[in-house]
C-alpha atoms as a PDB file:
ATOM      1  CA  MET A   1      -2.231 -14.088   5.469  1.00  0.00           C
ATOM      2  CA  ALA A   2      -5.398 -15.366   3.873  1.00  0.00           C
ATOM      3  CA  ASN A   3      -6.783 -18.553   5.383  1.00  0.00           C
ATOM      4  CA  SER A   4      -9.747 -19.562   3.237  1.00  0.00           C
ATOM      5  CA  ALA A   5      -9.625 -20.425  -0.442  1.00  0.00           C
ATOM      6  CA  GLN A   6     -11.838 -17.437  -1.194  1.00  0.00           C
ATOM      7  CA  ALA A   7      -9.523 -15.075   0.683  1.00  0.00           C
ATOM      8  CA  LYS A   8      -6.485 -16.492  -1.132  1.00  0.00           C
ATOM      9  CA  LYS A   9      -8.185 -15.953  -4.486  1.00  0.00           C
ATOM     10  CA  ARG A  10      -9.149 -12.381  -3.558  1.00  0.00           C
ATOM     11  CA  ALA A  11      -5.524 -11.714  -2.543  1.00  0.00           C
ATOM     12  CA  ARG A  12      -4.323 -12.998  -5.926  1.00  0.00           C
ATOM     13  CA  GLN A  13      -6.883 -10.853  -7.751  1.00  0.00           C
ATOM     14  CA  ALA A  14      -5.950  -7.775  -5.728  1.00  0.00           C
ATOM     15  CA  GLU A  15      -2.269  -8.249  -6.581  1.00  0.00           C
ATOM     16  CA  GLN A  16      -3.037  -8.645 -10.288  1.00  0.00           C
ATOM     17  CA  ARG A  17      -5.149  -5.480 -10.256  1.00  0.00           C
ATOM     18  CA  ARG A  18      -2.443  -3.595  -8.347  1.00  0.00           C
ATOM     19  CA  GLN A  19       0.163  -4.517 -10.949  1.00  0.00           C
ATOM     20  CA  LEU A  20      -2.123  -3.622 -13.866  1.00  0.00           C
ATOM     21  CA  ASN A  21      -3.037  -0.286 -12.281  1.00  0.00           C
ATOM     22  CA  ALA A  22       0.633   0.509 -11.653  1.00  0.00           C
ATOM     23  CA  SER A  23       1.462  -0.295 -15.275  1.00  0.00           C
ATOM     24  CA  GLN A  24      -1.350   1.892 -16.581  1.00  0.00           C
ATOM     25  CA  ARG A  25      -0.437   4.803 -14.292  1.00  0.00           C
ATOM     26  CA  SER A  26       3.143   4.546 -15.543  1.00  0.00           C
ATOM     27  CA  ARG A  27       1.952   4.648 -19.170  1.00  0.00           C
ATOM     28  CA  PHE A  28      -0.226   7.655 -18.376  1.00  0.00           C
ATOM     29  CA  ARG A  29       2.704   9.557 -16.882  1.00  0.00           C
ATOM     30  CA  THR A  30       5.003   8.612 -19.771  1.00  0.00           C
ATOM     31  CA  LEU A  31       2.508   9.916 -22.341  1.00  0.00           C
ATOM     32  CA  ILE A  32       2.170  13.245 -20.523  1.00  0.00           C
ATOM     33  CA  LYS A  33       5.952  13.556 -20.252  1.00  0.00           C
ATOM     34  CA  ALA A  34       6.283  13.008 -24.012  1.00  0.00           C
ATOM     35  CA  VAL A  35       3.923  15.916 -24.705  1.00  0.00           C
ATOM     36  CA  ARG A  36       5.727  18.168 -22.221  1.00  0.00           C
ATOM     37  CA  ALA A  37       9.116  17.269 -23.702  1.00  0.00           C
ATOM     38  CA  ALA A  38       7.932  18.185 -27.198  1.00  0.00           C
ATOM     39  CA  VAL A  39       6.548  21.480 -25.897  1.00  0.00           C
ATOM     40  CA  ARG A  40       9.829  22.271 -24.125  1.00  0.00           C
ATOM     41  CA  ALA A  41      11.699  21.525 -27.363  1.00  0.00           C
ATOM     42  CA  GLY A  42       9.402  23.898 -29.240  1.00  0.00           C
ATOM     43  CA  ASP A  43       8.180  21.133 -31.559  1.00  0.00           C
ATOM     44  CA  LYS A  44       4.521  21.971 -32.141  1.00  0.00           C
ATOM     45  CA  ASP A  45       3.883  19.124 -34.604  1.00  0.00           C
ATOM     46  CA  GLY A  46       5.532  16.608 -32.298  1.00  0.00           C
ATOM     47  CA  ALA A  47       3.566  17.915 -29.334  1.00  0.00           C
ATOM     48  CA  GLU A  48       0.301  17.646 -31.245  1.00  0.00           C
ATOM     49  CA  GLN A  49       1.098  14.082 -32.296  1.00  0.00           C
ATOM     50  CA  ALA A  50       2.057  13.100 -28.747  1.00  0.00           C
ATOM     51  CA  PHE A  51      -1.110  14.736 -27.423  1.00  0.00           C
ATOM     52  CA  GLY A  52      -3.171  12.889 -30.033  1.00  0.00           C
ATOM     53  CA  LYS A  53      -1.765   9.601 -28.734  1.00  0.00           C
ATOM     54  CA  ALA A  54      -2.182  10.543 -25.087  1.00  0.00           C
ATOM     55  CA  GLU A  55      -5.718  11.948 -25.124  1.00  0.00           C
ATOM     56  CA  PRO A  56      -7.707   8.734 -25.821  1.00  0.00           C
ATOM     57  CA  VAL A  57      -5.615   6.803 -23.304  1.00  0.00           C
ATOM     58  CA  LEU A  58      -6.234   9.405 -20.611  1.00  0.00           C
ATOM     59  CA  ASP A  59      -9.963   9.407 -21.359  1.00  0.00           C
ATOM     60  CA  ARG A  60     -10.062   5.610 -21.200  1.00  0.00           C
ATOM     61  CA  TYR A  61      -8.312   5.525 -17.822  1.00  0.00           C
ATOM     62  CA  ALA A  62     -10.631   8.229 -16.489  1.00  0.00           C
ATOM     63  CA  GLY A  63     -13.643   6.230 -17.643  1.00  0.00           C
ATOM     64  CA  LYS A  64     -12.364   3.169 -15.813  1.00  0.00           C
ATOM     65  CA  GLY A  65     -11.743   5.170 -12.652  1.00  0.00           C
ATOM     66  CA  LEU A  66      -7.992   4.624 -12.625  1.00  0.00           C
ATOM     67  CA  ILE A  67      -7.476   8.388 -12.628  1.00  0.00           C
ATOM     68  CA  HIS A  68     -10.044  10.945 -11.535  1.00  0.00           C
ATOM     69  CA  LYS A  69     -11.903  12.505 -14.463  1.00  0.00           C
ATOM     70  CA  ASN A  70     -11.297  16.066 -13.240  1.00  0.00           C
ATOM     71  CA  PHE A  71      -7.569  15.413 -13.003  1.00  0.00           C
ATOM     72  CA  VAL A  72      -7.537  14.146 -16.586  1.00  0.00           C
ATOM     73  CA  ALA A  73      -9.578  17.132 -17.774  1.00  0.00           C
ATOM     74  CA  ARG A  74      -7.171  19.528 -16.049  1.00  0.00           C
ATOM     75  CA  GLN A  75      -4.122  17.819 -17.532  1.00  0.00           C
ATOM     76  CA  LYS A  76      -5.586  17.863 -21.047  1.00  0.00           C
ATOM     77  CA  SER A  77      -6.541  21.510 -20.714  1.00  0.00           C
ATOM     78  CA  ARG A  78      -3.066  22.528 -19.569  1.00  0.00           C
ATOM     79  CA  LEU A  79      -1.340  20.495 -22.267  1.00  0.00           C
ATOM     80  CA  ARG A  80      -3.583  22.024 -24.953  1.00  0.00           C
ATOM     81  CA  ALA A  81      -2.786  25.500 -23.643  1.00  0.00           C
ATOM     82  CA  HIS A  82       0.966  24.805 -23.804  1.00  0.00           C
ATOM     83  CA  ILE A  83       0.658  23.503 -27.369  1.00  0.00           C
ATOM     84  CA  LYS A  84      -1.449  26.485 -28.393  1.00  0.00           C
ATOM     85  CA  ALA A  85       1.149  28.859 -26.923  1.00  0.00           C
ATOM     86  CA  LEU A  86       3.772  27.414 -29.279  1.00  0.00           C
ATOM     87  CA  GLY A  87       1.774  28.555 -32.328  1.00  0.00           C
END
């Protein structure tokens, strides 16, 4: 356990960041699942709308370093390919 005031504060900050990161990762996964569900249902318009909502969020999280930029690029590329295949 932290002994100094500084260490206690850093522990609090680390916990707050951990919870925020977990929340954002959960949102990221939920947005991707929404696109995949629309693709599985064959709903091209719904998939495009879900992708339109997901893309800026994924880019933002990649810019902040929450998710690696190459992982985000790969996910976006695959989702676009699935949507395009519906056409």
